Amino acid sequence: QVQLMESGGGLVPSGGSLRLSCVASGSDFTSSNVGWFRQAPGKEREFVALINWSGDNAKYADDVQGRFTIFRNNAKLTAYLQMYNLKPEDTAIYYCAADFNWGRAVAGLLDFWGQGTQVTVST
């Protein structure tokens, strides 16, 4: 199993940037796919980004493409979400998640989830 803990959220003005981190515990993180999801108040959780175990394949939601970058450092047991040009509509709780199966991860059916970190973008 994989245990995940997000950090790096906070307040940022429109157009600003943040880097979120997802630190894993356990011995099997390096073989897992990792995704970032977000949930705004009153809305369903939505997909943001996904990266495979080796870090050479990534997918992004259309509304963050070109602004967000997902990457990982398996030696540090950490995945990241670098966010640039943040917009008020990016305000949400951001979660990282992991799964050993790429197909399940693409479908949003990841097995392991963190507790989330709040990102708030002011106008």
Protein backbone atom coordinates (compact mmCIF):
# COMPACT_ATOMS: atom_id res chain seq x y z
CA GLN A 1 0.00 0.00 0.00
CA VAL A 2 0.91 3.67 -0.35
CA GLN A 3 0.27 6.44 2.15
CA LEU A 4 0.25 9.99 0.76
CA MET A 5 0.52 13.45 2.33
CA GLU A 6 0.01 16.68 0.37
CA SER A 7 1.53 20.05 1.22
CA GLY A 8 2.24 23.41 -0.40
CA GLY A 9 -1.23 24.88 -0.64
CA GLY A 10 -2.03 28.41 0.42
CA LEU A 11 -3.21 31.83 -0.68
CA VAL A 12 -1.96 33.27 -3.96
CA PRO A 13 -3.05 36.21 -6.14
CA SER A 14 -4.47 35.68 -9.59
CA GLY A 15 -1.59 35.01 -11.98
CA GLY A 16 0.64 33.66 -9.24
CA SER A 17 2.18 30.25 -8.77
CA LEU A 18 2.38 27.42 -6.25
CA ARG A 19 4.12 24.08 -6.07
CA LEU A 20 2.28 21.24 -4.38
CA SER A 21 4.12 18.23 -3.00
CA CYS A 22 2.89 14.72 -2.33
CA VAL A 23 5.18 12.69 -0.08
CA ALA A 24 4.68 8.94 0.00
CA SER A 25 5.29 6.39 2.71
CA GLY A 26 5.91 2.74 1.96
CA SER A 27 8.18 0.75 -0.30
CA ASP A 28 6.05 0.56 -3.46
CA PHE A 29 5.65 4.22 -4.47
CA THR A 30 8.14 3.94 -7.34
CA SER A 31 5.91 1.44 -9.17
CA SER A 32 2.74 3.53 -8.82
CA ASN A 33 0.98 5.99 -11.08
CA VAL A 34 0.25 9.29 -9.33
CA GLY A 35 -2.52 11.76 -10.03
CA TRP A 36 -3.69 15.12 -8.79
CA PHE A 37 -7.37 15.90 -8.35
CA ARG A 38 -9.23 18.87 -6.93
CA GLN A 39 -12.59 19.60 -5.38
CA ALA A 40 -14.18 23.03 -5.07
CA PRO A 41 -17.00 23.76 -2.59
CA GLY A 42 -20.28 22.30 -3.78
CA LYS A 43 -18.69 20.54 -6.75
CA GLU A 44 -17.55 17.03 -7.56
CA ARG A 45 -13.93 16.02 -7.41
CA GLU A 46 -12.29 16.52 -10.80
CA PHE A 47 -9.18 15.29 -12.56
CA VAL A 48 -6.19 17.62 -12.82
CA ALA A 49 -3.10 15.65 -13.87
CA LEU A 50 -1.65 12.14 -13.96
CA ILE A 51 1.87 10.74 -14.32
CA ASN A 52 3.06 7.18 -14.79
CA TRP A 53 5.54 5.36 -12.58
CA SER A 54 8.63 6.20 -14.65
CA GLY A 55 7.67 9.85 -15.15
CA ASP A 56 7.75 9.75 -18.96
CA ASN A 57 4.00 9.93 -19.61
CA ALA A 58 1.57 12.52 -18.29
CA LYS A 59 -2.00 13.65 -18.87
CA TYR A 60 -3.71 16.93 -17.98
CA ALA A 61 -7.18 18.32 -17.78
CA ASP A 62 -7.92 20.74 -20.61
CA ASP A 63 -8.31 23.76 -18.35
CA VAL A 64 -4.87 23.33 -16.76
CA GLN A 65 -2.93 22.26 -19.86
CA GLY A 66 0.00 24.62 -20.37
CA ARG A 67 -0.28 26.08 -16.88
CA PHE A 68 0.32 23.06 -14.62
CA THR A 69 3.12 20.49 -14.72
CA ILE A 70 3.17 17.17 -12.89
CA PHE A 71 6.50 15.54 -12.14
CA ARG A 72 8.02 13.16 -9.63
CA ASN A 73 11.24 12.24 -7.89
CA ASN A 74 11.03 8.59 -7.02
CA ALA A 75 14.27 8.68 -5.02
CA LYS A 76 12.57 11.21 -2.73
CA LEU A 77 9.25 9.34 -2.79
CA THR A 78 7.60 12.58 -3.87
CA ALA A 79 5.30 13.76 -6.64
CA TYR A 80 4.74 17.43 -7.45
CA LEU A 81 2.25 19.70 -9.14
CA GLN A 82 3.79 22.97 -10.33
CA MET A 83 1.05 25.53 -10.99
CA TYR A 84 1.59 28.77 -12.91
CA ASN A 85 -0.80 31.54 -13.91
CA LEU A 86 -3.32 30.54 -11.28
CA LYS A 87 -6.91 31.67 -11.69
CA PRO A 88 -9.71 32.09 -9.14
CA GLU A 89 -11.45 29.06 -10.65
CA ASP A 90 -8.45 26.97 -9.59
CA THR A 91 -9.49 27.46 -5.96
CA ALA A 92 -10.11 24.01 -4.47
CA ILE A 93 -8.78 21.34 -2.18
CA TYR A 94 -6.09 19.47 -4.10
CA TYR A 95 -5.57 15.76 -3.54
CA CYS A 96 -2.88 13.39 -4.72
CA ALA A 97 -3.66 9.76 -5.40
CA ALA A 98 -1.83 6.62 -6.46
CA ASP A 99 -2.61 3.35 -8.19
CA PHE A 100 -0.51 0.55 -9.65
CA ASN A 101 -2.71 0.16 -12.75
CA TRP A 102 -2.51 2.83 -15.47
CA GLY A 103 -5.96 2.09 -16.87
CA ARG A 104 -7.58 2.46 -13.47
CA ALA A 105 -5.66 5.68 -12.86
CA VAL A 106 -6.80 7.17 -16.18
CA ALA A 107 -10.37 6.28 -15.21
CA GLY A 108 -10.00 8.11 -11.89
CA LEU A 109 -10.21 4.88 -9.90
CA LEU A 110 -6.99 5.23 -7.94
CA ASP A 111 -6.73 3.14 -4.79
CA PHE A 112 -4.78 5.43 -2.47
CA TRP A 113 -5.55 9.05 -1.58
CA GLY A 114 -4.06 11.80 0.54
CA GLN A 115 -5.94 14.17 2.83
CA GLY A 116 -5.71 17.21 0.56
CA THR A 117 -4.24 20.71 0.67
CA GLN A 118 -6.18 23.94 0.17
CA VAL A 119 -5.35 26.26 -2.73
CA THR A 120 -7.07 29.65 -2.75
CA VAL A 121 -6.56 32.11 -5.61
CA SER A 122 -7.72 35.67 -4.96
CA THR A 123 -9.09 38.04 -7.56
